[in-house]
């Protein structure tokens, strides 16, 4: 029953509290203690995997009954290795990293990997020079992305972050008019926004990596920037609006990338002297040697803030007079 409930949620981790609530809808008398015993049993026979949350609760994901049957035949150390590989998801994990985390001799790790490969629980992939292992039924990252993520078989986040920075800065400089108000934007029919091919050309000219950069690589980097909320992807039609052509073929059109404007969000508390004072938290008290009433910096900041407000009000009045 409990496995069926977890399995019904698909390939996602479900909080144990949520699972218990769902079980109680079916069996109201299921206590938390009995429920925990059932979860422990499911984990021990390999029917579920678990992860611990920051507040020390557990989340569970169902494994297939076929996989669980195979896992039950593994030795304890083999099951530990399997869980490491399972948790690596699509990134995979190297034999060296497995040895470091499990602390087993090389021969034992190799025999365990071979056994699990024969059982079709895991598989070996080669994104670069180093072999990686991942679950048998998981599709690895695209080869283009692997070329960027790995240098000499080791993860290379420097390359990815550098490419993200180059792409974002290139797009940002071409997303807004220069030398104008910070809220200025281009006119609606502006056609100078950046295309994928332009970004690729820019990156290739920088030579940030010895790897030959391809369009597919940069497209994945741009997808990451879109996910992070730094840029947007917009469809622009180059078809003559006066044309009678109604074909929905986008060969005469293109997608462009536009940066979202970076804005500084000011926090009033961090601007106040208290927010930056090294004595505020432990030594500043109302009746102490250091106190808000005797602080020499707070009145200066407060007067400055009042003057700014007054100046803004006077400027607004001036604008109203000119408009009239």
C-alpha atoms as a PDB file:
ATOM      1  CA  UNK A   1       0.000   0.000   0.000  1.00  0.00           C
ATOM      2  CA  UNK A   2       2.703   2.530   0.991  1.00  0.00           C
ATOM      3  CA  UNK A   3       4.839   1.618  -2.037  1.00  0.00           C
ATOM      4  CA  UNK A   4       1.801   2.035  -4.295  1.00  0.00           C
ATOM      5  CA  UNK A   5       1.176   5.527  -2.922  1.00  0.00           C
ATOM      6  CA  UNK A   6       4.805   6.604  -3.449  1.00  0.00           C
ATOM      7  CA  UNK A   7       4.931   4.979  -6.889  1.00  0.00           C
ATOM      8  CA  UNK A   8       1.762   6.817  -7.926  1.00  0.00           C
ATOM      9  CA  UNK A   9       3.663  10.127  -7.579  1.00  0.00           C
ATOM     10  CA  UNK A  10       5.984   9.209 -10.450  1.00  0.00           C
ATOM     11  CA  UNK A  11       9.746   9.798 -10.540  1.00  0.00           C
ATOM     12  CA  UNK A  12       9.755  12.492  -7.875  1.00  0.00           C
ATOM     13  CA  UNK A  13      10.741  12.507  -4.215  1.00  0.00           C
ATOM     14  CA  UNK A  14       7.773  12.781  -1.854  1.00  0.00           C
ATOM     15  CA  UNK A  15       8.005  14.134   1.699  1.00  0.00           C
ATOM     16  CA  UNK A  16       7.338  11.492   4.363  1.00  0.00           C
ATOM     17  CA  UNK A  17       4.714  13.725   5.996  1.00  0.00           C
ATOM     18  CA  UNK A  18       2.831  13.979   2.705  1.00  0.00           C
ATOM     19  CA  UNK A  19       3.025  10.204   2.233  1.00  0.00           C
ATOM     20  CA  UNK A  20       1.652   9.645   5.738  1.00  0.00           C
ATOM     21  CA  UNK A  21      -1.239  12.022   5.031  1.00  0.00           C
ATOM     22  CA  UNK A  22      -2.087  10.117   1.838  1.00  0.00           C
ATOM     23  CA  UNK A  23      -1.931   6.794   3.672  1.00  0.00           C
ATOM     24  CA  UNK A  24      -4.231   8.060   6.432  1.00  0.00           C
ATOM     25  CA  UNK A  25      -6.827   9.004   3.828  1.00  0.00           C
ATOM     26  CA  UNK A  26      -6.978   5.293   2.995  1.00  0.00           C
ATOM     27  CA  UNK A  27      -6.152   3.774   6.394  1.00  0.00           C
ATOM     28  CA  UNK A  28      -6.936   6.379   9.090  1.00  0.00           C
ATOM     29  CA  UNK A  29      -5.595   4.218  11.925  1.00  0.00           C
ATOM     30  CA  UNK A  30      -2.037   4.050  10.518  1.00  0.00           C
ATOM     31  CA  UNK A  31       0.163   5.541  13.252  1.00  0.00           C
ATOM     32  CA  UNK A  32       3.403   7.376  12.542  1.00  0.00           C
ATOM     33  CA  UNK A  33       5.430   4.588  14.205  1.00  0.00           C
ATOM     34  CA  UNK A  34       3.886   1.852  12.066  1.00  0.00           C
ATOM     35  CA  UNK A  35       4.290   4.026   8.991  1.00  0.00           C
ATOM     36  CA  UNK A  36       8.015   4.527   9.719  1.00  0.00           C
ATOM     37  CA  UNK A  37       8.500   0.762  10.161  1.00  0.00           C
ATOM     38  CA  UNK A  38       6.912   0.169   6.749  1.00  0.00           C
ATOM     39  CA  UNK A  39       9.162   2.797   5.116  1.00  0.00           C
ATOM     40  CA  UNK A  40      12.244   1.216   6.698  1.00  0.00           C
ATOM     41  CA  UNK A  41      11.230  -2.182   5.374  1.00  0.00           C
ATOM     42  CA  UNK A  42      10.641  -0.796   1.872  1.00  0.00           C
ATOM     43  CA  UNK A  43      14.072   0.826   1.930  1.00  0.00           C
ATOM     44  CA  UNK A  44      15.819  -2.337   3.122  1.00  0.00           C
ATOM     45  CA  UNK A  45      14.301  -4.431   0.316  1.00  0.00           C
ATOM     46  CA  UNK A  46      15.195  -1.779  -2.266  1.00  0.00           C
ATOM     47  CA  UNK A  47      11.699  -0.680  -3.231  1.00  0.00           C
ATOM     48  CA  UNK A  48      12.328   2.979  -2.328  1.00  0.00           C
ATOM     49  CA  UNK A  49      15.256   5.391  -2.204  1.00  0.00           C
ATOM     50  CA  UNK A  50      15.446   8.219   0.296  1.00  0.00           C
ATOM     51  CA  UNK A  51      16.974  11.656   0.763  1.00  0.00           C
ATOM     52  CA  UNK A  52      17.279  13.721   3.922  1.00  0.00           C
ATOM     53  CA  UNK A  53      16.027  17.306   3.952  1.00  0.00           C
ATOM     54  CA  UNK A  54      17.659  20.279   5.688  1.00  0.00           C
ATOM     55  CA  UNK A  55      15.258  19.902   8.629  1.00  0.00           C
ATOM     56  CA  UNK A  56      16.106  16.196   9.065  1.00  0.00           C
ATOM     57  CA  UNK A  57      12.972  14.778   7.469  1.00  0.00           C
ATOM     58  CA  UNK A  58      13.130  12.214   4.693  1.00  0.00           C
ATOM     59  CA  UNK A  59      11.767  12.178   1.162  1.00  0.00           C
ATOM     60  CA  UNK A  60      11.129   8.960  -0.731  1.00  0.00           C
ATOM     61  CA  UNK A  61      11.036   7.891  -4.359  1.00  0.00           C
ATOM     62  CA  UNK A  62       9.798   4.530  -5.580  1.00  0.00           C
ATOM     63  CA  UNK A  63      12.011   2.050  -7.418  1.00  0.00           C
ATOM     64  CA  UNK A  64      10.557  -0.562  -9.746  1.00  0.00           C
ATOM     65  CA  UNK A  65       9.926  -4.030  -8.353  1.00  0.00           C
ATOM     66  CA  UNK A  66      12.274  -5.459 -11.004  1.00  0.00           C
ATOM     67  CA  UNK A  67      15.102  -3.185  -9.812  1.00  0.00           C
ATOM     68  CA  UNK A  68      14.368  -3.992  -6.163  1.00  0.00           C
ATOM     69  CA  UNK A  69      14.653  -7.735  -6.881  1.00  0.00           C
ATOM     70  CA  UNK A  70      18.104  -7.205  -8.388  1.00  0.00           C
ATOM     71  CA  UNK A  71      19.206  -4.988  -5.500  1.00  0.00           C
ATOM     72  CA  UNK A  72      18.271  -7.636  -2.954  1.00  0.00           C
ATOM     73  CA  UNK A  73      20.941  -9.913  -4.462  1.00  0.00           C
ATOM     74  CA  UNK A  74      23.721  -7.348  -3.935  1.00  0.00           C
ATOM     75  CA  UNK A  75      26.236  -7.320  -1.128  1.00  0.00           C
ATOM     76  CA  UNK A  76      26.080  -4.408   1.318  1.00  0.00           C
ATOM     77  CA  UNK A  77      29.086  -2.639  -0.219  1.00  0.00           C
ATOM     78  CA  UNK A  78      27.630  -3.132  -3.707  1.00  0.00           C
ATOM     79  CA  UNK A  79      24.380  -1.531  -2.612  1.00  0.00           C
ATOM     80  CA  UNK A  80      26.357   1.456  -1.242  1.00  0.00           C
ATOM     81  CA  UNK A  81      28.080   1.837  -4.598  1.00  0.00           C
ATOM     82  CA  UNK A  82      24.738   1.572  -6.381  1.00  0.00           C
ATOM     83  CA  UNK A  83      23.280   4.388  -4.264  1.00  0.00           C
ATOM     84  CA  UNK A  84      26.271   6.620  -5.048  1.00  0.00           C
ATOM     85  CA  UNK A  85      25.786   6.027  -8.770  1.00  0.00           C
ATOM     86  CA  UNK A  86      22.035   6.502  -8.441  1.00  0.00           C
ATOM     87  CA  UNK A  87      22.489   9.853  -6.677  1.00  0.00           C
ATOM     88  CA  UNK A  88      24.859  11.097  -9.390  1.00  0.00           C
ATOM     89  CA  UNK A  89      21.820  11.208 -11.710  1.00  0.00           C
ATOM     90  CA  UNK A  90      22.733  12.134 -15.327  1.00  0.00           C
ATOM     91  CA  UNK A  91      26.160  13.514 -14.414  1.00  0.00           C
ATOM     92  CA  UNK A  92      27.551  10.098 -13.584  1.00  0.00           C
ATOM     93  CA  UNK A  93      30.391   9.309 -11.181  1.00  0.00           C
ATOM     94  CA  UNK A  94      33.919   8.044 -11.770  1.00  0.00           C
ATOM     95  CA  UNK A  95      35.465   4.933 -10.244  1.00  0.00           C
ATOM     96  CA  UNK A  96      37.999   7.130  -8.438  1.00  0.00           C
ATOM     97  CA  UNK A  97      35.251   9.169  -6.762  1.00  0.00           C
ATOM     98  CA  UNK A  98      33.451   5.980  -5.763  1.00  0.00           C
ATOM     99  CA  UNK A  99      36.599   4.671  -4.091  1.00  0.00           C
ATOM    100  CA  UNK A 100      37.118   7.943  -2.228  1.00  0.00           C
ATOM    101  CA  UNK A 101      33.578   8.041  -0.865  1.00  0.00           C
ATOM    102  CA  UNK A 102      33.114   4.345  -0.084  1.00  0.00           C
ATOM    103  CA  UNK A 103      36.755   3.751   0.972  1.00  0.00           C
ATOM    104  CA  UNK A 104      37.038   0.316  -0.611  1.00  0.00           C
ATOM    105  CA  UNK A 105      40.023  -1.262  -2.328  1.00  0.00           C
ATOM    106  CA  UNK A 106      40.137  -0.911  -6.096  1.00  0.00           C
ATOM    107  CA  UNK A 107      39.651  -4.613  -6.838  1.00  0.00           C
ATOM    108  CA  UNK A 108      36.434  -4.737  -4.778  1.00  0.00           C
ATOM    109  CA  UNK A 109      35.037  -1.630  -6.484  1.00  0.00           C
ATOM    110  CA  UNK A 110      35.865  -3.024  -9.931  1.00  0.00           C
ATOM    111  CA  UNK A 111      34.245  -6.383  -9.242  1.00  0.00           C
ATOM    112  CA  UNK A 112      31.140  -4.656  -7.860  1.00  0.00           C
ATOM    113  CA  UNK A 113      30.830  -2.424 -10.920  1.00  0.00           C
ATOM    114  CA  UNK A 114      31.253  -5.406 -13.229  1.00  0.00           C
ATOM    115  CA  UNK A 115      28.578  -7.377 -11.388  1.00  0.00           C
ATOM    116  CA  UNK A 116      26.059  -4.503 -11.507  1.00  0.00           C
ATOM    117  CA  UNK A 117      26.768  -3.952 -15.206  1.00  0.00           C
ATOM    118  CA  UNK A 118      26.028  -7.626 -15.889  1.00  0.00           C
ATOM    119  CA  UNK A 119      22.782  -7.244 -13.955  1.00  0.00           C
ATOM    120  CA  UNK A 120      21.964  -4.179 -16.107  1.00  0.00           C
ATOM    121  CA  UNK A 121      21.639  -2.023 -13.017  1.00  0.00           C
ATOM    122  CA  UNK A 122      24.332   0.420 -14.166  1.00  0.00           C
ATOM    123  CA  UNK A 123      26.230   1.274 -17.321  1.00  0.00           C
ATOM    124  CA  UNK A 124      29.534   2.828 -18.299  1.00  0.00           C
ATOM    125  CA  UNK A 125      29.710   6.039 -20.338  1.00  0.00           C
ATOM    126  CA  UNK A 126      32.679   7.998 -21.680  1.00  0.00           C
ATOM    127  CA  UNK A 127      31.963  11.759 -21.934  1.00  0.00           C
ATOM    128  CA  UNK A 128      35.687  12.496 -22.217  1.00  0.00           C
ATOM    129  CA  UNK A 129      38.788  10.555 -21.193  1.00  0.00           C
ATOM    130  CA  UNK A 130      37.526   9.277 -17.836  1.00  0.00           C
ATOM    131  CA  UNK A 131      34.908   6.552 -17.573  1.00  0.00           C
ATOM    132  CA  UNK A 132      31.755   7.421 -15.681  1.00  0.00           C
ATOM    133  CA  UNK A 133      29.016   5.217 -14.290  1.00  0.00           C
ATOM    134  CA  UNK A 134      25.280   5.912 -14.119  1.00  0.00           C
ATOM    135  CA  UNK A 135      22.057   3.939 -13.846  1.00  0.00           C
ATOM    136  CA  UNK A 136      21.338   1.645 -16.766  1.00  0.00           C
ATOM    137  CA  UNK A 137      18.080   3.306 -17.826  1.00  0.00           C
ATOM    138  CA  UNK A 138      19.234   6.935 -17.517  1.00  0.00           C
ATOM    139  CA  UNK A 139      20.161   8.931 -20.599  1.00  0.00           C
ATOM    140  CA  UNK A 140      23.499  10.745 -20.150  1.00  0.00           C
ATOM    141  CA  UNK A 141      24.045  14.426 -20.836  1.00  0.00           C
ATOM    142  CA  UNK A 142      24.428  15.357 -24.490  1.00  0.00           C
ATOM    143  CA  UNK A 143      27.972  14.902 -25.754  1.00  0.00           C
ATOM    144  CA  UNK A 144      28.249  18.628 -26.549  1.00  0.00           C
ATOM    145  CA  UNK A 145      27.471  19.552 -22.944  1.00  0.00           C
ATOM    146  CA  UNK A 146      29.872  16.892 -21.653  1.00  0.00           C
ATOM    147  CA  UNK A 147      32.679  18.392 -23.739  1.00  0.00           C
ATOM    148  CA  UNK A 148      32.139  21.688 -21.935  1.00  0.00           C
ATOM    149  CA  UNK A 149      31.716  20.219 -18.471  1.00  0.00           C
ATOM    150  CA  UNK A 150      34.844  18.080 -18.569  1.00  0.00           C
ATOM    151  CA  UNK A 151      38.476  18.942 -19.218  1.00  0.00           C
ATOM    152  CA  UNK A 152      40.887  15.995 -19.116  1.00  0.00           C
ATOM    153  CA  UNK A 153      38.112  13.972 -17.548  1.00  0.00           C
ATOM    154  CA  UNK A 154      37.545  16.367 -14.657  1.00  0.00           C
ATOM    155  CA  UNK A 155      34.543  18.664 -14.126  1.00  0.00           C
ATOM    156  CA  UNK A 156      35.377  22.154 -15.443  1.00  0.00           C
ATOM    157  CA  UNK A 157      32.878  24.646 -14.062  1.00  0.00           C
ATOM    158  CA  UNK A 158      35.259  27.501 -14.934  1.00  0.00           C
ATOM    159  CA  UNK A 159      34.608  27.013 -18.650  1.00  0.00           C
ATOM    160  CA  UNK A 160      30.844  26.934 -18.212  1.00  0.00           C
ATOM    161  CA  UNK A 161      30.758  30.012 -15.952  1.00  0.00           C
ATOM    162  CA  UNK A 162      33.081  31.885 -18.332  1.00  0.00           C
ATOM    163  CA  UNK A 163      30.836  31.077 -21.273  1.00  0.00           C
ATOM    164  CA  UNK A 164      27.763  32.189 -19.337  1.00  0.00           C
ATOM    165  CA  UNK A 165      29.443  35.506 -18.505  1.00  0.00           C
ATOM    166  CA  UNK A 166      30.591  36.126 -22.088  1.00  0.00           C
ATOM    167  CA  UNK A 167      27.163  35.303 -23.545  1.00  0.00           C
ATOM    168  CA  UNK A 168      25.249  37.399 -21.013  1.00  0.00           C
ATOM    169  CA  UNK A 169      27.474  40.478 -21.367  1.00  0.00           C
ATOM    170  CA  UNK A 170      27.350  40.276 -25.166  1.00  0.00           C
ATOM    171  CA  UNK A 171      23.535  40.066 -25.140  1.00  0.00           C
ATOM    172  CA  UNK A 172      23.152  42.759 -22.463  1.00  0.00           C
ATOM    173  CA  UNK A 173      25.209  45.338 -24.406  1.00  0.00           C
ATOM    174  CA  UNK A 174      22.891  44.899 -27.381  1.00  0.00           C
ATOM    175  CA  UNK A 175      19.594  44.825 -25.515  1.00  0.00           C
ATOM    176  CA  UNK A 176      19.303  48.501 -24.497  1.00  0.00           C
ATOM    177  CA  UNK A 177      20.124  51.912 -26.051  1.00  0.00           C
ATOM    178  CA  UNK A 178      23.453  53.315 -24.909  1.00  0.00           C
ATOM    179  CA  UNK A 179      23.898  56.683 -23.260  1.00  0.00           C
ATOM    180  CA  UNK A 180      20.220  57.072 -22.440  1.00  0.00           C
ATOM    181  CA  UNK A 181      17.982  56.819 -19.364  1.00  0.00           C
ATOM    182  CA  UNK A 182      18.222  53.464 -17.571  1.00  0.00           C
ATOM    183  CA  UNK A 183      14.583  52.710 -18.437  1.00  0.00           C
ATOM    184  CA  UNK A 184      15.058  53.393 -22.160  1.00  0.00           C
ATOM    185  CA  UNK A 185      14.246  50.558 -24.563  1.00  0.00           C
ATOM    186  CA  UNK A 186      14.441  50.091 -28.314  1.00  0.00           C
ATOM    187  CA  UNK A 187      11.442  50.846 -30.521  1.00  0.00           C
ATOM    188  CA  UNK A 188       9.016  47.954 -31.203  1.00  0.00           C
ATOM    189  CA  UNK A 189      10.294  47.013 -34.686  1.00  0.00           C
ATOM    190  CA  UNK A 190      13.973  47.151 -33.706  1.00  0.00           C
ATOM    191  CA  UNK A 191      15.849  44.320 -35.458  1.00  0.00           C
ATOM    192  CA  UNK A 192      19.278  44.594 -33.883  1.00  0.00           C
ATOM    193  CA  UNK A 193      18.815  42.089 -31.092  1.00  0.00           C
ATOM    194  CA  UNK A 194      21.269  39.210 -30.802  1.00  0.00           C
ATOM    195  CA  UNK A 195      20.708  35.908 -32.608  1.00  0.00           C
ATOM    196  CA  UNK A 196      22.200  32.541 -31.694  1.00  0.00           C
ATOM    197  CA  UNK A 197      24.680  32.702 -34.572  1.00  0.00           C
ATOM    198  CA  UNK A 198      25.928  36.111 -33.384  1.00  0.00           C
ATOM    199  CA  UNK A 199      26.495  34.790 -29.853  1.00  0.00           C
ATOM    200  CA  UNK A 200      28.364  31.772 -31.255  1.00  0.00           C
ATOM    201  CA  UNK A 201      30.572  34.052 -33.333  1.00  0.00           C
ATOM    202  CA  UNK A 202      31.347  36.205 -30.290  1.00  0.00           C
ATOM    203  CA  UNK A 203      32.289  33.201 -28.136  1.00  0.00           C
ATOM    204  CA  UNK A 204      34.460  31.672 -30.844  1.00  0.00           C
ATOM    205  CA  UNK A 205      36.398  34.940 -31.146  1.00  0.00           C
ATOM    206  CA  UNK A 206      37.120  35.053 -27.399  1.00  0.00           C
ATOM    207  CA  UNK A 207      38.775  31.594 -27.472  1.00  0.00           C
ATOM    208  CA  UNK A 208      37.868  30.975 -23.828  1.00  0.00           C
ATOM    209  CA  UNK A 209      38.563  27.262 -24.292  1.00  0.00           C
ATOM    210  CA  UNK A 210      40.617  25.105 -26.627  1.00  0.00           C
ATOM    211  CA  UNK A 211      37.515  23.014 -27.305  1.00  0.00           C
ATOM    212  CA  UNK A 212      35.830  23.836 -30.593  1.00  0.00           C
ATOM    213  CA  UNK A 213      32.616  25.616 -29.628  1.00  0.00           C
ATOM    214  CA  UNK A 214      29.548  24.595 -31.603  1.00  0.00           C
ATOM    215  CA  UNK A 215      26.099  26.139 -31.900  1.00  0.00           C
ATOM    216  CA  UNK A 216      24.556  23.327 -29.823  1.00  0.00           C
ATOM    217  CA  UNK A 217      26.954  24.138 -26.964  1.00  0.00           C
ATOM    218  CA  UNK A 218      26.012  27.818 -26.854  1.00  0.00           C
ATOM    219  CA  UNK A 219      22.306  27.043 -27.138  1.00  0.00           C
ATOM    220  CA  UNK A 220      22.552  25.020 -23.924  1.00  0.00           C
ATOM    221  CA  UNK A 221      24.404  27.856 -22.199  1.00  0.00           C
ATOM    222  CA  UNK A 222      21.665  30.293 -23.284  1.00  0.00           C
ATOM    223  CA  UNK A 223      19.009  27.891 -22.005  1.00  0.00           C
ATOM    224  CA  UNK A 224      20.714  28.031 -18.595  1.00  0.00           C
ATOM    225  CA  UNK A 225      20.676  31.857 -18.663  1.00  0.00           C
ATOM    226  CA  UNK A 226      16.973  31.755 -19.533  1.00  0.00           C
ATOM    227  CA  UNK A 227      16.332  29.383 -16.626  1.00  0.00           C
ATOM    228  CA  UNK A 228      18.266  31.716 -14.292  1.00  0.00           C
ATOM    229  CA  UNK A 229      16.049  34.620 -15.378  1.00  0.00           C
ATOM    230  CA  UNK A 230      18.879  36.672 -16.901  1.00  0.00           C
ATOM    231  CA  UNK A 231      17.706  36.671 -20.525  1.00  0.00           C
ATOM    232  CA  UNK A 232      14.593  35.925 -22.556  1.00  0.00           C
ATOM    233  CA  UNK A 233      14.129  34.285 -25.940  1.00  0.00           C
ATOM    234  CA  UNK A 234      11.820  36.088 -28.362  1.00  0.00           C
ATOM    235  CA  UNK A 235      10.478  35.175 -31.785  1.00  0.00           C
ATOM    236  CA  UNK A 236      10.989  37.882 -34.396  1.00  0.00           C
ATOM    237  CA  UNK A 237       9.331  37.668 -37.798  1.00  0.00           C
ATOM    238  CA  UNK A 238      11.190  39.010 -40.820  1.00  0.00           C
ATOM    239  CA  UNK A 239       8.241  38.436 -43.127  1.00  0.00           C
ATOM    240  CA  UNK A 240       6.828  41.555 -44.764  1.00  0.00           C
ATOM    241  CA  UNK A 241       3.628  42.399 -42.818  1.00  0.00           C
ATOM    242  CA  UNK A 242       2.038  43.697 -46.075  1.00  0.00           C
ATOM    243  CA  UNK A 243       2.624  40.378 -47.790  1.00  0.00           C
ATOM    244  CA  UNK A 244      -0.396  38.144 -48.472  1.00  0.00           C
ATOM    245  CA  UNK A 245       1.698  35.071 -47.697  1.00  0.00           C
ATOM    246  CA  UNK A 246       0.040  32.960 -44.977  1.00  0.00           C
ATOM    247  CA  UNK A 247       2.417  30.001 -44.873  1.00  0.00           C
ATOM    248  CA  UNK A 248       3.403  29.296 -41.269  1.00  0.00           C
ATOM    249  CA  UNK A 249       6.996  28.491 -42.237  1.00  0.00           C
ATOM    250  CA  UNK A 250       9.463  30.182 -39.909  1.00  0.00           C
ATOM    251  CA  UNK A 251      12.461  29.856 -42.240  1.00  0.00           C
ATOM    252  CA  UNK A 252      12.200  33.592 -42.936  1.00  0.00           C
ATOM    253  CA  UNK A 253      12.079  34.348 -39.232  1.00  0.00           C
ATOM    254  CA  UNK A 254      14.385  33.993 -36.281  1.00  0.00           C
ATOM    255  CA  UNK A 255      14.692  33.877 -32.532  1.00  0.00           C
ATOM    256  CA  UNK A 256      16.602  36.573 -30.706  1.00  0.00           C
ATOM    257  CA  UNK A 257      17.916  36.835 -27.171  1.00  0.00           C
ATOM    258  CA  UNK A 258      17.286  39.883 -24.979  1.00  0.00           C
ATOM    259  CA  UNK A 259      18.777  40.547 -21.566  1.00  0.00           C
ATOM    260  CA  UNK A 260      16.669  41.443 -18.580  1.00  0.00           C
ATOM    261  CA  UNK A 261      17.773  44.763 -17.173  1.00  0.00           C
ATOM    262  CA  UNK A 262      19.970  44.450 -14.103  1.00  0.00           C
ATOM    263  CA  UNK A 263      18.604  46.634 -11.342  1.00  0.00           C
ATOM    264  CA  UNK A 264      20.065  47.370  -7.950  1.00  0.00           C
ATOM    265  CA  UNK A 265      17.431  46.747  -5.304  1.00  0.00           C
ATOM    266  CA  UNK A 266      18.262  48.941  -2.350  1.00  0.00           C
ATOM    267  CA  UNK A 267      17.530  47.643   1.105  1.00  0.00           C
ATOM    268  CA  UNK A 268      16.799  50.445   3.545  1.00  0.00           C
ATOM    269  CA  UNK A 269      18.183  48.440   6.443  1.00  0.00           C
ATOM    270  CA  UNK A 270      21.580  47.844   4.811  1.00  0.00           C
ATOM    271  CA  UNK A 271      21.815  51.557   3.970  1.00  0.00           C
ATOM    272  CA  UNK A 272      21.274  52.503   7.611  1.00  0.00           C
ATOM    273  CA  UNK A 273      24.456  52.643   9.701  1.00  0.00           C
ATOM    274  CA  UNK A 274      23.061  49.989  12.060  1.00  0.00           C
ATOM    275  CA  UNK A 275      23.057  47.435   9.251  1.00  0.00           C
ATOM    276  CA  UNK A 276      26.821  47.808   8.800  1.00  0.00           C
ATOM    277  CA  UNK A 277      27.886  48.604  12.380  1.00  0.00           C
ATOM    278  CA  UNK A 278      30.229  45.976  13.911  1.00  0.00           C
ATOM    279  CA  UNK A 279      28.970  46.797  17.416  1.00  0.00           C
ATOM    280  CA  UNK A 280      25.233  46.637  16.651  1.00  0.00           C
ATOM    281  CA  UNK A 281      24.521  42.997  17.433  1.00  0.00           C
ATOM    282  CA  UNK A 282      26.460  42.474  20.679  1.00  0.00           C
ATOM    283  CA  UNK A 283      27.477  45.827  22.171  1.00  0.00           C
ATOM    284  CA  UNK A 284      24.876  48.418  21.188  1.00  0.00           C
ATOM    285  CA  UNK A 285      22.228  48.678  23.934  1.00  0.00           C
ATOM    286  CA  UNK A 286      19.928  51.475  25.062  1.00  0.00           C
ATOM    287  CA  UNK A 287      21.761  52.117  28.340  1.00  0.00           C
ATOM    288  CA  UNK A 288      25.211  50.942  27.284  1.00  0.00           C
ATOM    289  CA  UNK A 289      28.363  52.821  26.371  1.00  0.00           C
ATOM    290  CA  UNK A 290      27.345  52.398  22.737  1.00  0.00           C
ATOM    291  CA  UNK A 291      23.641  53.110  22.216  1.00  0.00           C
ATOM    292  CA  UNK A 292      21.199  54.366  19.536  1.00  0.00           C
ATOM    293  CA  UNK A 293      20.658  57.629  21.441  1.00  0.00           C
ATOM    294  CA  UNK A 294      24.383  58.473  21.528  1.00  0.00           C
ATOM    295  CA  UNK A 295      25.250  57.196  18.028  1.00  0.00           C
ATOM    296  CA  UNK A 296      26.905  59.945  15.932  1.00  0.00           C
ATOM    297  CA  UNK A 297      26.230  58.231  12.616  1.00  0.00           C
ATOM    298  CA  UNK A 298      22.481  57.630  12.824  1.00  0.00           C
ATOM    299  CA  UNK A 299      21.492  61.360  12.843  1.00  0.00           C
ATOM    300  CA  UNK A 300      23.745  61.988   9.838  1.00  0.00           C
ATOM    301  CA  UNK A 301      22.086  59.197   7.873  1.00  0.00           C
ATOM    302  CA  UNK A 302      18.594  60.302   8.951  1.00  0.00           C
ATOM    303  CA  UNK A 303      19.207  63.944   7.945  1.00  0.00           C
ATOM    304  CA  UNK A 304      20.575  62.842   4.602  1.00  0.00           C
ATOM    305  CA  UNK A 305      17.495  60.705   3.974  1.00  0.00           C
ATOM    306  CA  UNK A 306      15.165  63.603   4.903  1.00  0.00           C
ATOM    307  CA  UNK A 307      17.018  65.971   2.562  1.00  0.00           C
ATOM    308  CA  UNK A 308      16.747  63.463  -0.289  1.00  0.00           C
ATOM    309  CA  UNK A 309      12.989  63.154   0.240  1.00  0.00           C
ATOM    310  CA  UNK A 310      12.573  66.940   0.339  1.00  0.00           C
ATOM    311  CA  UNK A 311      14.607  67.366  -2.844  1.00  0.00           C
ATOM    312  CA  UNK A 312      12.514  64.722  -4.617  1.00  0.00           C
ATOM    313  CA  UNK A 313       9.314  66.527  -3.580  1.00  0.00           C
ATOM    314  CA  UNK A 314      10.646  69.865  -4.845  1.00  0.00           C
ATOM    315  CA  UNK A 315      11.635  68.280  -8.167  1.00  0.00           C
ATOM    316  CA  UNK A 316       8.159  66.807  -8.559  1.00  0.00           C
ATOM    317  CA  UNK A 317       6.616  70.233  -7.909  1.00  0.00           C
ATOM    318  CA  UNK A 318       8.881  71.729 -10.535  1.00  0.00           C
ATOM    319  CA  UNK A 319       7.779  69.135 -13.072  1.00  0.00           C
ATOM    320  CA  UNK A 320       4.104  69.868 -12.338  1.00  0.00           C
ATOM    321  CA  UNK A 321       4.706  73.610 -12.909  1.00  0.00           C
ATOM    322  CA  UNK A 322       6.425  72.971 -16.252  1.00  0.00           C
ATOM    323  CA  UNK A 323       3.669  70.610 -17.385  1.00  0.00           C
ATOM    324  CA  UNK A 324       1.047  73.251 -16.565  1.00  0.00           C
END
